[in-house]
Amino acid sequence: MKKFWIFVFALFTCGVLVAQESNSESNETPTPDENGKVIDLGIDFPEPLVQDGAYEKIGVKEKIALGYDHIREADIFWSKRIWRVIDTRQKMNKFFVNNHQSFIEVLMDVIQRNADVELFGDDMFTQRVAADDLSKMLGSTDTTEVYDFDTDTYIQKITTNDFNPKAFNQFRLKEDWIFDEETSTMICRIIGIAPIRDVIDPNTGQIRGQQALFWMHYPSIRKYLVKYEAQNNENDGVRQTWEDVMESRYFDSYIIKESNQEDAKISERFKGKDALRAGEKVKETLLEKETSLWSY
């Protein structure tokens, strides 16, 4: 009997060591895609060469994303789809642009290291975007006129700029708000995330619009976001991950769209402050809905 338990312990130890080695390799080496090509987006988070702190920090590396509770369609009493924007220029969202590990760099690193991450060109997830094309999309091209002394004329010079994390000031979320009749609770599930950047007019230098670089299916990347630490401004001893930030909603945001017959954004129906008030009205309606549905 003693030999049996020694054998079981040996198998368990070997399993733990293999899992740790596998996790270490997956966190350090970019994963080849289906064609055997390693996707390199130029993102790198250097690790300290010595223990950077009074104690070894291993909590984040060992965390896993817990699975969602199953929701049956028959138990859905009410639901609403919402699109909202996280603006990193807001005081509460400053940690999204942390100089050490900004959120856009985290998303790029997730794409670079995991070939199974799928990217889409629309929020309905119907148009695929190839990850190896991201290096072209991440940079920007500027055209300027330069005086050529040899020809005594002005010529156009094309300048290619490298990926700039600070160019992404906003992130768009697509969410489903659901009232589960079985548990009598309002549930919010993030469905998609898209980094947004300003589109600059090369002639005037003015902002002429915004562009969603790509859409990521959030439930598919939770298992990766849980491995990246997000800054906790209140307590360095309590380590939170980017999955914690999203699930616990540690961010400030405003609503730009709710599902409607015209599929129109709030900005298309209201302007200026009226659009902000309309977004806040949608937010208040969601909170009131949870209370009112209890009467049923």
C-alpha atoms as a PDB file:
ATOM      1  CA  MET A   1       0.000   0.000   0.000  1.00  0.00           C
ATOM      2  CA  LYS A   2       2.862   2.307   0.818  1.00  0.00           C
ATOM      3  CA  LYS A   3       4.446   1.690  -2.573  1.00  0.00           C
ATOM      4  CA  PHE A   4       1.131   2.525  -4.232  1.00  0.00           C
ATOM      5  CA  TRP A   5       0.936   5.965  -2.593  1.00  0.00           C
ATOM      6  CA  ILE A   6       4.590   6.651  -3.445  1.00  0.00           C
ATOM      7  CA  PHE A   7       3.781   5.818  -7.050  1.00  0.00           C
ATOM      8  CA  VAL A   8       0.739   8.129  -7.041  1.00  0.00           C
ATOM      9  CA  PHE A   9       2.780  10.973  -5.504  1.00  0.00           C
ATOM     10  CA  ALA A  10       5.495  10.514  -8.137  1.00  0.00           C
ATOM     11  CA  LEU A  11       2.923  10.705 -10.943  1.00  0.00           C
ATOM     12  CA  PHE A  12       1.385  13.852  -9.425  1.00  0.00           C
ATOM     13  CA  THR A  13       4.801  15.518  -9.088  1.00  0.00           C
ATOM     14  CA  CYS A  14       5.696  14.710 -12.684  1.00  0.00           C
ATOM     15  CA  GLY A  15       2.380  16.103 -13.867  1.00  0.00           C
ATOM     16  CA  VAL A  16       2.913  19.388 -12.007  1.00  0.00           C
ATOM     17  CA  LEU A  17       6.427  19.773 -13.401  1.00  0.00           C
ATOM     18  CA  VAL A  18       5.264  19.106 -16.968  1.00  0.00           C
ATOM     19  CA  ALA A  19       2.410  21.615 -16.600  1.00  0.00           C
ATOM     20  CA  GLN A  20       4.737  24.281 -15.205  1.00  0.00           C
ATOM     21  CA  GLU A  21       7.219  23.697 -18.013  1.00  0.00           C
ATOM     22  CA  SER A  22       4.428  23.890 -20.585  1.00  0.00           C
ATOM     23  CA  ASN A  23       3.083  27.144 -19.113  1.00  0.00           C
ATOM     24  CA  SER A  24       6.576  28.612 -18.996  1.00  0.00           C
ATOM     25  CA  GLU A  25       7.189  27.788 -22.645  1.00  0.00           C
ATOM     26  CA  SER A  26       3.823  29.196 -23.693  1.00  0.00           C
ATOM     27  CA  ASN A  27       4.529  32.465 -21.873  1.00  0.00           C
ATOM     28  CA  GLU A  28       8.030  32.895 -23.260  1.00  0.00           C
ATOM     29  CA  THR A  29       7.899  31.652 -26.861  1.00  0.00           C
ATOM     30  CA  PRO A  30       5.520  32.933 -29.531  1.00  0.00           C
ATOM     31  CA  THR A  31       3.304  30.156 -30.884  1.00  0.00           C
ATOM     32  CA  PRO A  32       3.606  29.309 -34.606  1.00  0.00           C
ATOM     33  CA  ASP A  33       0.436  29.621 -36.646  1.00  0.00           C
ATOM     34  CA  GLU A  34      -1.136  26.819 -38.694  1.00  0.00           C
ATOM     35  CA  ASN A  35       1.450  27.357 -41.436  1.00  0.00           C
ATOM     36  CA  GLY A  36       4.345  27.035 -39.003  1.00  0.00           C
ATOM     37  CA  LYS A  37       5.110  30.766 -39.098  1.00  0.00           C
ATOM     38  CA  VAL A  38       5.813  32.665 -35.890  1.00  0.00           C
ATOM     39  CA  ILE A  39       3.856  35.916 -35.684  1.00  0.00           C
ATOM     40  CA  ASP A  40       6.123  38.715 -34.479  1.00  0.00           C
ATOM     41  CA  LEU A  41       4.420  42.031 -33.746  1.00  0.00           C
ATOM     42  CA  GLY A  42       7.455  43.473 -32.005  1.00  0.00           C
ATOM     43  CA  ILE A  43       5.856  43.396 -28.541  1.00  0.00           C
ATOM     44  CA  ASP A  44       8.068  42.262 -25.681  1.00  0.00           C
ATOM     45  CA  PHE A  45       7.688  42.434 -21.896  1.00  0.00           C
ATOM     46  CA  PRO A  46      11.159  41.930 -20.403  1.00  0.00           C
ATOM     47  CA  GLU A  47      11.342  39.925 -17.173  1.00  0.00           C
ATOM     48  CA  PRO A  48      13.541  41.129 -14.259  1.00  0.00           C
ATOM     49  CA  LEU A  49      16.814  39.219 -13.958  1.00  0.00           C
ATOM     50  CA  VAL A  50      16.531  39.096 -10.153  1.00  0.00           C
ATOM     51  CA  GLN A  51      13.607  38.934  -7.721  1.00  0.00           C
ATOM     52  CA  ASP A  52      12.073  42.386  -8.009  1.00  0.00           C
ATOM     53  CA  GLY A  53      10.414  42.694  -4.617  1.00  0.00           C
ATOM     54  CA  ALA A  54      10.499  41.593  -1.001  1.00  0.00           C
ATOM     55  CA  TYR A  55       8.659  38.361  -1.876  1.00  0.00           C
ATOM     56  CA  GLU A  56       8.241  36.131  -4.895  1.00  0.00           C
ATOM     57  CA  LYS A  57       5.193  37.102  -6.916  1.00  0.00           C
ATOM     58  CA  ILE A  58       3.682  33.993  -8.464  1.00  0.00           C
ATOM     59  CA  GLY A  59      -0.047  34.541  -7.896  1.00  0.00           C
ATOM     60  CA  VAL A  60      -0.823  35.957 -11.349  1.00  0.00           C
ATOM     61  CA  LYS A  61       1.098  33.234 -13.179  1.00  0.00           C
ATOM     62  CA  GLU A  62      -0.878  30.519 -11.416  1.00  0.00           C
ATOM     63  CA  LYS A  63      -4.341  32.067 -11.857  1.00  0.00           C
ATOM     64  CA  ILE A  64      -6.871  30.599 -14.260  1.00  0.00           C
ATOM     65  CA  ALA A  65     -10.098  32.071 -15.597  1.00  0.00           C
ATOM     66  CA  LEU A  66     -13.099  30.393 -14.004  1.00  0.00           C
ATOM     67  CA  GLY A  67     -15.766  29.222 -16.402  1.00  0.00           C
ATOM     68  CA  TYR A  68     -19.040  31.108 -16.706  1.00  0.00           C
ATOM     69  CA  ASP A  69     -22.246  29.667 -15.270  1.00  0.00           C
ATOM     70  CA  HIS A  70     -24.345  28.120 -18.015  1.00  0.00           C
ATOM     71  CA  ILE A  71     -27.328  30.195 -19.104  1.00  0.00           C
ATOM     72  CA  ARG A  72     -30.265  28.463 -20.749  1.00  0.00           C
ATOM     73  CA  GLU A  73     -32.140  30.347 -23.448  1.00  0.00           C
ATOM     74  CA  ALA A  74     -35.405  29.250 -21.835  1.00  0.00           C
ATOM     75  CA  ASP A  75     -34.411  31.131 -18.640  1.00  0.00           C
ATOM     76  CA  ILE A  76     -33.803  34.469 -20.378  1.00  0.00           C
ATOM     77  CA  PHE A  77     -36.606  36.764 -19.244  1.00  0.00           C
ATOM     78  CA  TRP A  78     -35.097  39.967 -20.701  1.00  0.00           C
ATOM     79  CA  SER A  79     -31.882  40.928 -22.528  1.00  0.00           C
ATOM     80  CA  LYS A  80     -30.294  43.966 -24.130  1.00  0.00           C
ATOM     81  CA  ARG A  81     -27.137  44.428 -26.190  1.00  0.00           C
ATOM     82  CA  ILE A  82     -24.951  47.427 -25.349  1.00  0.00           C
ATOM     83  CA  TRP A  83     -21.863  49.021 -26.899  1.00  0.00           C
ATOM     84  CA  ARG A  84     -19.721  51.213 -24.645  1.00  0.00           C
ATOM     85  CA  VAL A  85     -16.362  53.023 -24.788  1.00  0.00           C
ATOM     86  CA  ILE A  86     -13.526  53.028 -22.263  1.00  0.00           C
ATOM     87  CA  ASP A  87     -11.600  56.293 -22.644  1.00  0.00           C
ATOM     88  CA  THR A  88      -8.069  55.960 -21.227  1.00  0.00           C
ATOM     89  CA  ARG A  89      -7.861  59.736 -20.783  1.00  0.00           C
ATOM     90  CA  GLN A  90     -10.380  59.509 -17.951  1.00  0.00           C
ATOM     91  CA  LYS A  91      -8.754  59.600 -14.513  1.00  0.00           C
ATOM     92  CA  MET A  92     -10.113  56.204 -13.446  1.00  0.00           C
ATOM     93  CA  ASN A  93      -8.776  54.567 -16.634  1.00  0.00           C
ATOM     94  CA  LYS A  94      -5.212  55.883 -16.532  1.00  0.00           C
ATOM     95  CA  PHE A  95      -3.812  52.430 -15.745  1.00  0.00           C
ATOM     96  CA  PHE A  96      -4.925  51.273 -19.206  1.00  0.00           C
ATOM     97  CA  VAL A  97      -1.969  53.223 -20.618  1.00  0.00           C
ATOM     98  CA  ASN A  98       0.575  52.167 -18.004  1.00  0.00           C
ATOM     99  CA  ASN A  99       4.089  52.746 -19.374  1.00  0.00           C
ATOM    100  CA  HIS A 100       5.216  49.315 -18.169  1.00  0.00           C
ATOM    101  CA  GLN A 101       2.400  47.236 -19.635  1.00  0.00           C
ATOM    102  CA  SER A 102      -0.447  49.085 -21.344  1.00  0.00           C
ATOM    103  CA  PHE A 103      -3.646  47.273 -22.255  1.00  0.00           C
ATOM    104  CA  ILE A 104      -3.102  47.578 -26.012  1.00  0.00           C
ATOM    105  CA  GLU A 105       0.340  45.994 -25.599  1.00  0.00           C
ATOM    106  CA  VAL A 106      -1.222  43.178 -23.568  1.00  0.00           C
ATOM    107  CA  LEU A 107      -3.685  42.478 -26.385  1.00  0.00           C
ATOM    108  CA  MET A 108      -0.861  42.513 -28.934  1.00  0.00           C
ATOM    109  CA  ASP A 109       1.183  40.123 -26.801  1.00  0.00           C
ATOM    110  CA  VAL A 110      -1.786  37.750 -26.484  1.00  0.00           C
ATOM    111  CA  ILE A 111      -2.111  37.720 -30.279  1.00  0.00           C
ATOM    112  CA  GLN A 112       1.610  37.261 -30.784  1.00  0.00           C
ATOM    113  CA  ARG A 113       1.937  34.294 -28.410  1.00  0.00           C
ATOM    114  CA  ASN A 114      -1.270  32.400 -29.162  1.00  0.00           C
ATOM    115  CA  ALA A 115      -2.066  31.305 -32.699  1.00  0.00           C
ATOM    116  CA  ASP A 116      -5.599  30.235 -31.751  1.00  0.00           C
ATOM    117  CA  VAL A 117      -6.671  33.843 -31.055  1.00  0.00           C
ATOM    118  CA  GLU A 118      -9.016  34.973 -33.816  1.00  0.00           C
ATOM    119  CA  LEU A 119      -9.387  38.573 -34.989  1.00  0.00           C
ATOM    120  CA  PHE A 120     -12.375  40.047 -36.776  1.00  0.00           C
ATOM    121  CA  GLY A 121     -13.008  43.161 -38.825  1.00  0.00           C
ATOM    122  CA  ASP A 122     -16.518  43.768 -37.501  1.00  0.00           C
ATOM    123  CA  ASP A 123     -18.383  43.498 -34.207  1.00  0.00           C
ATOM    124  CA  MET A 124     -20.597  40.712 -35.581  1.00  0.00           C
ATOM    125  CA  PHE A 125     -17.512  38.472 -35.981  1.00  0.00           C
ATOM    126  CA  THR A 126     -18.242  37.719 -39.651  1.00  0.00           C
ATOM    127  CA  GLN A 127     -15.011  39.030 -41.247  1.00  0.00           C
ATOM    128  CA  ARG A 128     -11.698  37.480 -40.251  1.00  0.00           C
ATOM    129  CA  VAL A 129      -8.492  39.511 -39.972  1.00  0.00           C
ATOM    130  CA  ALA A 130      -5.173  37.712 -40.458  1.00  0.00           C
ATOM    131  CA  ALA A 131      -2.880  38.217 -37.479  1.00  0.00           C
ATOM    132  CA  ASP A 132       0.239  38.449 -39.644  1.00  0.00           C
ATOM    133  CA  ASP A 133      -1.248  41.536 -41.351  1.00  0.00           C
ATOM    134  CA  LEU A 134      -1.394  43.402 -38.048  1.00  0.00           C
ATOM    135  CA  SER A 135       2.135  44.763 -38.356  1.00  0.00           C
ATOM    136  CA  LYS A 136       0.967  46.765 -41.383  1.00  0.00           C
ATOM    137  CA  MET A 137      -2.211  47.909 -39.650  1.00  0.00           C
ATOM    138  CA  LEU A 138      -0.476  48.917 -36.423  1.00  0.00           C
ATOM    139  CA  GLY A 139       1.894  51.370 -38.066  1.00  0.00           C
ATOM    140  CA  SER A 140       0.892  54.538 -39.860  1.00  0.00           C
ATOM    141  CA  THR A 141       2.032  56.241 -43.047  1.00  0.00           C
ATOM    142  CA  ASP A 142       2.446  59.995 -43.393  1.00  0.00           C
ATOM    143  CA  THR A 143       2.933  61.881 -46.647  1.00  0.00           C
ATOM    144  CA  THR A 144       4.726  65.225 -46.511  1.00  0.00           C
ATOM    145  CA  GLU A 145       6.094  67.634 -49.093  1.00  0.00           C
ATOM    146  CA  VAL A 146       9.870  68.149 -49.015  1.00  0.00           C
ATOM    147  CA  TYR A 147      11.810  70.660 -51.051  1.00  0.00           C
ATOM    148  CA  ASP A 148      14.350  69.063 -53.414  1.00  0.00           C
ATOM    149  CA  PHE A 149      17.271  71.436 -53.988  1.00  0.00           C
ATOM    150  CA  ASP A 150      18.527  69.425 -56.990  1.00  0.00           C
ATOM    151  CA  THR A 151      15.319  69.780 -58.991  1.00  0.00           C
ATOM    152  CA  ASP A 152      14.159  73.021 -57.382  1.00  0.00           C
ATOM    153  CA  THR A 153      10.726  71.460 -56.764  1.00  0.00           C
ATOM    154  CA  TYR A 154       8.691  70.012 -53.913  1.00  0.00           C
ATOM    155  CA  ILE A 155       8.421  66.240 -53.821  1.00  0.00           C
ATOM    156  CA  GLN A 156       6.247  63.965 -51.701  1.00  0.00           C
ATOM    157  CA  LYS A 157       8.041  61.902 -49.081  1.00  0.00           C
ATOM    158  CA  ILE A 158       6.347  58.902 -47.473  1.00  0.00           C
ATOM    159  CA  THR A 159       7.280  58.239 -43.844  1.00  0.00           C
ATOM    160  CA  THR A 160       6.338  55.008 -42.090  1.00  0.00           C
ATOM    161  CA  ASN A 161       5.813  55.233 -38.342  1.00  0.00           C
ATOM    162  CA  ASP A 162       6.190  52.280 -35.972  1.00  0.00           C
ATOM    163  CA  PHE A 163       3.450  51.042 -33.662  1.00  0.00           C
ATOM    164  CA  ASN A 164       2.686  53.648 -31.023  1.00  0.00           C
ATOM    165  CA  PRO A 165       0.699  52.325 -28.005  1.00  0.00           C
ATOM    166  CA  LYS A 166      -0.214  55.876 -26.963  1.00  0.00           C
ATOM    167  CA  ALA A 167      -2.165  56.336 -30.196  1.00  0.00           C
ATOM    168  CA  PHE A 168      -4.901  54.074 -28.792  1.00  0.00           C
ATOM    169  CA  ASN A 169      -6.910  56.187 -26.370  1.00  0.00           C
ATOM    170  CA  GLN A 170     -10.133  54.199 -26.426  1.00  0.00           C
ATOM    171  CA  PHE A 171     -11.431  50.638 -26.286  1.00  0.00           C
ATOM    172  CA  ARG A 172     -14.901  49.631 -27.413  1.00  0.00           C
ATOM    173  CA  LEU A 173     -16.859  46.890 -25.631  1.00  0.00           C
ATOM    174  CA  LYS A 174     -19.805  44.887 -26.868  1.00  0.00           C
ATOM    175  CA  GLU A 175     -21.917  43.489 -24.019  1.00  0.00           C
ATOM    176  CA  ASP A 176     -25.048  41.471 -23.373  1.00  0.00           C
ATOM    177  CA  TRP A 177     -27.150  42.381 -20.350  1.00  0.00           C
ATOM    178  CA  ILE A 178     -29.359  39.453 -19.377  1.00  0.00           C
ATOM    179  CA  PHE A 179     -31.915  38.861 -16.653  1.00  0.00           C
ATOM    180  CA  ASP A 180     -31.737  35.179 -15.740  1.00  0.00           C
ATOM    181  CA  GLU A 181     -35.132  34.015 -14.530  1.00  0.00           C
ATOM    182  CA  GLU A 182     -33.687  30.889 -12.876  1.00  0.00           C
ATOM    183  CA  THR A 183     -31.382  32.851 -10.543  1.00  0.00           C
ATOM    184  CA  SER A 184     -33.337  36.145 -10.632  1.00  0.00           C
ATOM    185  CA  THR A 185     -30.148  38.076 -11.331  1.00  0.00           C
ATOM    186  CA  MET A 186     -29.014  40.579 -13.920  1.00  0.00           C
ATOM    187  CA  ILE A 187     -25.900  39.283 -15.696  1.00  0.00           C
ATOM    188  CA  CYS A 188     -23.484  41.307 -17.829  1.00  0.00           C
ATOM    189  CA  ARG A 189     -21.292  39.400 -20.253  1.00  0.00           C
ATOM    190  CA  ILE A 190     -18.635  41.108 -22.350  1.00  0.00           C
ATOM    191  CA  ILE A 191     -18.741  39.634 -25.853  1.00  0.00           C
ATOM    192  CA  GLY A 192     -16.136  41.627 -27.772  1.00  0.00           C
ATOM    193  CA  ILE A 193     -13.271  44.119 -27.355  1.00  0.00           C
ATOM    194  CA  ALA A 194     -11.893  46.479 -29.997  1.00  0.00           C
ATOM    195  CA  PRO A 195      -8.969  48.936 -29.687  1.00  0.00           C
ATOM    196  CA  ILE A 196      -9.868  52.320 -31.205  1.00  0.00           C
ATOM    197  CA  ARG A 197      -7.470  54.852 -32.648  1.00  0.00           C
ATOM    198  CA  ASP A 198      -7.857  58.294 -34.195  1.00  0.00           C
ATOM    199  CA  VAL A 199      -7.574  58.594 -37.965  1.00  0.00           C
ATOM    200  CA  ILE A 200      -5.401  61.598 -38.841  1.00  0.00           C
ATOM    201  CA  ASP A 201      -5.813  63.500 -42.097  1.00  0.00           C
ATOM    202  CA  PRO A 202      -2.300  63.544 -43.656  1.00  0.00           C
ATOM    203  CA  ASN A 203      -2.962  66.905 -45.326  1.00  0.00           C
ATOM    204  CA  THR A 204      -4.313  68.880 -42.372  1.00  0.00           C
ATOM    205  CA  GLY A 205      -3.080  66.838 -39.415  1.00  0.00           C
ATOM    206  CA  GLN A 206      -6.588  66.999 -37.961  1.00  0.00           C
ATOM    207  CA  ILE A 207      -8.568  64.056 -36.615  1.00  0.00           C
ATOM    208  CA  ARG A 208     -11.118  63.036 -39.233  1.00  0.00           C
ATOM    209  CA  GLY A 209     -12.626  60.016 -37.487  1.00  0.00           C
ATOM    210  CA  GLN A 210     -11.993  56.885 -35.476  1.00  0.00           C
ATOM    211  CA  GLN A 211     -11.127  53.360 -36.504  1.00  0.00           C
ATOM    212  CA  ALA A 212     -11.626  50.023 -34.757  1.00  0.00           C
ATOM    213  CA  LEU A 213      -8.366  48.214 -35.441  1.00  0.00           C
ATOM    214  CA  PHE A 214      -9.957  44.795 -34.964  1.00  0.00           C
ATOM    215  CA  TRP A 215     -12.461  42.954 -32.789  1.00  0.00           C
ATOM    216  CA  MET A 216     -11.547  40.146 -30.384  1.00  0.00           C
ATOM    217  CA  HIS A 217     -14.026  37.605 -29.025  1.00  0.00           C
ATOM    218  CA  TYR A 218     -13.627  38.299 -25.302  1.00  0.00           C
ATOM    219  CA  PRO A 219     -14.762  34.890 -23.915  1.00  0.00           C
ATOM    220  CA  SER A 220     -12.009  33.266 -26.012  1.00  0.00           C
ATOM    221  CA  ILE A 221      -9.195  35.398 -24.568  1.00  0.00           C
ATOM    222  CA  ARG A 222     -10.182  35.400 -20.869  1.00  0.00           C
ATOM    223  CA  LYS A 223      -7.824  32.474 -20.257  1.00  0.00           C
ATOM    224  CA  TYR A 224      -4.954  34.619 -21.538  1.00  0.00           C
ATOM    225  CA  LEU A 225      -5.878  37.965 -19.934  1.00  0.00           C
ATOM    226  CA  VAL A 226      -5.844  36.282 -16.516  1.00  0.00           C
ATOM    227  CA  LYS A 227      -2.060  35.824 -16.924  1.00  0.00           C
ATOM    228  CA  TYR A 228      -1.332  39.565 -17.243  1.00  0.00           C
ATOM    229  CA  GLU A 229      -1.169  41.834 -14.219  1.00  0.00           C
ATOM    230  CA  ALA A 230      -2.978  45.163 -14.225  1.00  0.00           C
ATOM    231  CA  GLN A 231      -1.896  48.025 -11.994  1.00  0.00           C
ATOM    232  CA  ASN A 232      -3.794  48.391  -8.731  1.00  0.00           C
ATOM    233  CA  ASN A 233      -3.587  52.030  -7.662  1.00  0.00           C
ATOM    234  CA  GLU A 234      -5.036  51.349  -4.213  1.00  0.00           C
ATOM    235  CA  ASN A 235      -2.866  48.465  -2.981  1.00  0.00           C
ATOM    236  CA  ASP A 236       0.281  46.959  -4.524  1.00  0.00           C
ATOM    237  CA  GLY A 237      -0.185  43.877  -2.341  1.00  0.00           C
ATOM    238  CA  VAL A 238      -3.483  42.976  -3.993  1.00  0.00           C
ATOM    239  CA  ARG A 239      -2.585  41.878  -7.498  1.00  0.00           C
ATOM    240  CA  GLN A 240      -5.329  42.078 -10.089  1.00  0.00           C
ATOM    241  CA  THR A 241      -5.254  40.782 -13.640  1.00  0.00           C
ATOM    242  CA  TRP A 242      -6.776  42.256 -16.763  1.00  0.00           C
ATOM    243  CA  GLU A 243      -9.437  39.571 -16.563  1.00  0.00           C
ATOM    244  CA  ASP A 244     -10.259  40.853 -13.063  1.00  0.00           C
ATOM    245  CA  VAL A 245     -10.531  44.390 -14.423  1.00  0.00           C
ATOM    246  CA  MET A 246     -13.047  43.346 -17.068  1.00  0.00           C
ATOM    247  CA  GLU A 247     -15.116  40.961 -14.970  1.00  0.00           C
ATOM    248  CA  SER A 248     -15.248  43.246 -11.910  1.00  0.00           C
ATOM    249  CA  ARG A 249     -15.671  46.299 -14.159  1.00  0.00           C
ATOM    250  CA  TYR A 250     -12.868  48.357 -12.638  1.00  0.00           C
ATOM    251  CA  PHE A 251     -13.181  51.046 -15.302  1.00  0.00           C
ATOM    252  CA  ASP A 252     -15.187  54.100 -16.225  1.00  0.00           C
ATOM    253  CA  SER A 253     -17.102  54.119 -19.513  1.00  0.00           C
ATOM    254  CA  TYR A 254     -19.979  55.626 -21.435  1.00  0.00           C
ATOM    255  CA  ILE A 255     -22.586  53.974 -23.651  1.00  0.00           C
ATOM    256  CA  ILE A 256     -22.556  54.775 -27.375  1.00  0.00           C
ATOM    257  CA  LYS A 257     -25.192  52.375 -28.644  1.00  0.00           C
ATOM    258  CA  GLU A 258     -27.966  50.025 -27.620  1.00  0.00           C
ATOM    259  CA  SER A 259     -29.672  47.465 -29.829  1.00  0.00           C
ATOM    260  CA  ASN A 260     -32.428  49.156 -31.852  1.00  0.00           C
ATOM    261  CA  GLN A 261     -34.418  48.685 -35.047  1.00  0.00           C
ATOM    262  CA  GLU A 262     -32.352  51.200 -37.043  1.00  0.00           C
ATOM    263  CA  ASP A 263     -29.038  49.835 -35.695  1.00  0.00           C
ATOM    264  CA  ALA A 264     -28.126  53.481 -35.089  1.00  0.00           C
ATOM    265  CA  LYS A 265     -25.607  54.852 -32.606  1.00  0.00           C
ATOM    266  CA  ILE A 266     -26.673  57.370 -30.001  1.00  0.00           C
ATOM    267  CA  SER A 267     -24.517  60.005 -31.737  1.00  0.00           C
ATOM    268  CA  GLU A 268     -26.593  59.566 -34.893  1.00  0.00           C
ATOM    269  CA  ARG A 269     -29.791  60.459 -33.036  1.00  0.00           C
ATOM    270  CA  PHE A 270     -28.453  63.037 -30.576  1.00  0.00           C
ATOM    271  CA  LYS A 271     -25.645  65.590 -30.657  1.00  0.00           C
ATOM    272  CA  GLY A 272     -23.253  67.008 -28.067  1.00  0.00           C
ATOM    273  CA  LYS A 273     -24.408  66.887 -24.457  1.00  0.00           C
ATOM    274  CA  ASP A 274     -27.723  65.368 -25.510  1.00  0.00           C
ATOM    275  CA  ALA A 275     -25.842  62.262 -26.678  1.00  0.00           C
ATOM    276  CA  LEU A 276     -24.115  61.970 -23.288  1.00  0.00           C
ATOM    277  CA  ARG A 277     -27.449  62.347 -21.500  1.00  0.00           C
ATOM    278  CA  ALA A 278     -28.982  59.676 -23.730  1.00  0.00           C
ATOM    279  CA  GLY A 279     -26.138  57.299 -22.880  1.00  0.00           C
ATOM    280  CA  GLU A 280     -26.605  57.939 -19.165  1.00  0.00           C
ATOM    281  CA  LYS A 281     -30.333  57.350 -19.593  1.00  0.00           C
ATOM    282  CA  VAL A 282     -29.600  53.896 -21.047  1.00  0.00           C
ATOM    283  CA  LYS A 283     -27.320  53.166 -18.079  1.00  0.00           C
ATOM    284  CA  GLU A 284     -30.021  54.194 -15.617  1.00  0.00           C
ATOM    285  CA  THR A 285     -32.567  52.056 -17.452  1.00  0.00           C
ATOM    286  CA  LEU A 286     -30.343  48.990 -17.060  1.00  0.00           C
ATOM    287  CA  LEU A 287     -30.099  49.538 -13.302  1.00  0.00           C
ATOM    288  CA  GLU A 288     -33.827  50.177 -12.962  1.00  0.00           C
ATOM    289  CA  LYS A 289     -34.645  47.136 -15.061  1.00  0.00           C
ATOM    290  CA  GLU A 290     -33.000  44.758 -12.581  1.00  0.00           C
ATOM    291  CA  THR A 291     -35.115  46.160  -9.755  1.00  0.00           C
ATOM    292  CA  SER A 292     -38.378  46.219 -11.688  1.00  0.00           C
ATOM    293  CA  LEU A 293     -38.000  42.671 -13.021  1.00  0.00           C
ATOM    294  CA  TRP A 294     -37.986  41.338  -9.455  1.00  0.00           C
ATOM    295  CA  SER A 295     -41.734  42.060  -9.371  1.00  0.00           C
ATOM    296  CA  TYR A 296     -42.248  39.285 -11.897  1.00  0.00           C
END
